[in-house]
Every structure is written in structure tokens, then in C-alpha cells.
């Protein structure tokens, strides 16, 4: 948790906020939004990858590299899978817009 400079309150770290959102999602069984799609993948990754609580970018770079290793191991075509995934992502963004930044308080 980080201290709020204005009033001394303790604000959750990004990782803590992601976990809060995940738990709220699983408790409410809300419709799957792009924000919740992001959260449902982040929480399990945060449990598996050793990372600084405030450096999720580094964790995601490691995940992306490991996905490449997994494709090599399984003999899967990463580049064509990535193109298909990009199309899925673009369709979801077109339908409901990009995931709001976590600081925008979308939950």
C-alpha cells in the first residue's frame, strides 16, 4: 500500500487493486468486460510470477517471452496465433472500447 500525500490515507498498490477487482468480479459474476478480461488473466499470473508489486510491466514482458517458449515447446505457430488474437482483441475493443486504465476507478 502507498500513502496518499494529500490526506495520509493508504492507497492500494496496482497489484492489490487488481486483486480487489478480481474478487469483486468473481463474487458478482458480472458480465465479462474488457477490464475484467484483463483482470482474470492478471491475477493468476501475479500468483505464479515473482515480481515487484508495482512492476507489472516487467511481469507481462516475462509472460510474453514465456508464451513464445511455450509455443516452441508445443510446436505452435506463434505469429499466426498472435494475428488471430489481435483480431479478437480489436473486435472486443470495437464492441465496447478499450479497458479503462485502472486509475479511472471503473469498478
Protein backbone atom coordinates (compact mmCIF):
# COMPACT_ATOMS: atom_id res chain seq x y z
CA UNK A 1 0.00 0.00 0.00
CA UNK A 2 1.14 3.52 -0.72
CA UNK A 3 0.39 6.63 1.31
CA UNK A 4 -1.82 9.32 -0.20
CA UNK A 5 0.20 12.52 0.05
CA UNK A 6 -2.89 14.73 0.42
CA UNK A 7 -4.66 13.17 3.35
CA UNK A 8 -2.35 10.47 4.70
CA UNK A 9 -4.66 7.63 3.60
CA UNK A 10 -3.05 4.43 2.42
CA UNK A 11 -3.89 3.64 -1.21
CA UNK A 12 -3.65 0.11 -2.59
CA UNK A 13 -0.85 -0.78 -4.99
CA UNK A 14 -1.79 -1.63 -8.56
CA UNK A 15 -1.42 -5.34 -7.78
CA UNK A 16 -3.68 -5.02 -4.74
CA UNK A 17 -6.26 -3.11 -6.79
CA UNK A 18 -6.21 -5.82 -9.49
CA UNK A 19 -6.85 -8.46 -6.82
CA UNK A 20 -9.72 -6.40 -5.35
CA UNK A 21 -11.33 -6.12 -8.77
CA UNK A 22 -10.87 -9.84 -9.42
CA UNK A 23 -12.56 -10.77 -6.16
CA UNK A 24 -15.43 -8.37 -6.83
CA UNK A 25 -15.80 -9.91 -10.30
CA UNK A 26 -15.88 -13.48 -9.03
CA UNK A 27 -18.39 -12.58 -6.30
CA UNK A 28 -20.82 -10.75 -8.61
CA UNK A 29 -20.47 -12.88 -11.76
CA UNK A 30 -20.74 -9.64 -13.71
CA UNK A 31 -20.81 -9.54 -17.49
CA UNK A 32 -17.36 -10.01 -18.94
CA UNK A 33 -15.95 -6.62 -19.91
CA UNK A 34 -12.53 -5.81 -21.33
CA UNK A 35 -11.44 -4.67 -17.85
CA UNK A 36 -12.49 -8.00 -16.39
CA UNK A 37 -10.82 -9.90 -19.23
CA UNK A 38 -7.58 -8.16 -18.25
CA UNK A 39 -8.05 -8.81 -14.53
CA UNK A 40 -8.88 -12.50 -14.93
CA UNK A 41 -5.54 -13.08 -16.64
CA UNK A 42 -3.50 -10.82 -14.34
CA UNK A 43 -4.44 -12.42 -11.02
CA UNK A 44 -3.23 -15.96 -11.78
CA UNK A 45 -0.08 -14.55 -13.38
CA UNK A 46 0.66 -12.45 -10.30
CA UNK A 47 0.42 -15.64 -8.22
CA UNK A 48 2.91 -17.52 -10.41
CA UNK A 49 5.45 -14.88 -11.41
CA UNK A 50 7.82 -13.38 -8.85
CA UNK A 51 7.65 -9.64 -9.50
CA UNK A 52 7.74 -6.29 -7.80
CA UNK A 53 4.16 -5.37 -6.85
CA UNK A 54 4.48 -2.10 -8.77
CA UNK A 55 6.22 -3.54 -11.85
CA UNK A 56 3.51 -5.45 -13.67
CA UNK A 57 5.03 -4.31 -16.97
CA UNK A 58 8.13 -6.40 -16.28
CA UNK A 59 5.96 -9.36 -15.32
CA UNK A 60 3.97 -9.09 -18.57
CA UNK A 61 7.19 -8.94 -20.62
CA UNK A 62 8.30 -12.17 -18.91
CA UNK A 63 4.91 -13.74 -19.63
CA UNK A 64 5.12 -12.77 -23.29
CA UNK A 65 8.59 -14.31 -23.57
CA UNK A 66 7.39 -17.46 -21.79
CA UNK A 67 4.44 -17.74 -24.18
CA UNK A 68 6.95 -17.80 -27.01
CA UNK A 69 8.84 -20.61 -25.26
CA UNK A 70 5.55 -22.49 -24.75
CA UNK A 71 4.75 -22.20 -28.46
CA UNK A 72 8.22 -23.52 -29.32
CA UNK A 73 7.74 -26.42 -26.90
CA UNK A 74 4.34 -27.32 -28.34
CA UNK A 75 5.22 -26.64 -31.95
CA UNK A 76 2.51 -23.98 -32.27
CA UNK A 77 2.69 -21.09 -34.76
CA UNK A 78 3.06 -18.05 -32.50
CA UNK A 79 2.86 -15.45 -35.26
CA UNK A 80 -0.39 -16.71 -36.77
CA UNK A 81 -1.90 -17.20 -33.30
CA UNK A 82 -0.90 -13.63 -32.43
CA UNK A 83 -2.60 -12.30 -35.58
CA UNK A 84 -5.80 -14.13 -34.65
CA UNK A 85 -5.57 -12.86 -31.06
CA UNK A 86 -5.07 -9.30 -32.35
CA UNK A 87 -8.25 -9.66 -34.40
CA UNK A 88 -10.17 -10.88 -31.35
CA UNK A 89 -8.81 -8.00 -29.28
CA UNK A 90 -9.75 -5.44 -31.94
CA UNK A 91 -13.29 -6.85 -32.19
CA UNK A 92 -13.73 -6.64 -28.41
CA UNK A 93 -12.37 -3.08 -28.33
CA UNK A 94 -14.61 -2.11 -31.24
CA UNK A 95 -17.63 -3.51 -29.40
CA UNK A 96 -17.06 -1.89 -26.00
CA UNK A 97 -13.94 0.27 -26.16
CA UNK A 98 -10.53 -0.36 -24.63
CA UNK A 99 -10.18 -1.36 -21.00
CA UNK A 100 -10.22 1.74 -18.81
CA UNK A 101 -6.97 2.47 -17.02
CA UNK A 102 -7.11 1.06 -13.51
CA UNK A 103 -6.74 4.53 -12.01
CA UNK A 104 -10.02 5.63 -13.64
CA UNK A 105 -11.98 3.73 -10.98
CA UNK A 106 -14.09 1.64 -13.33
CA UNK A 107 -15.26 -0.82 -10.66
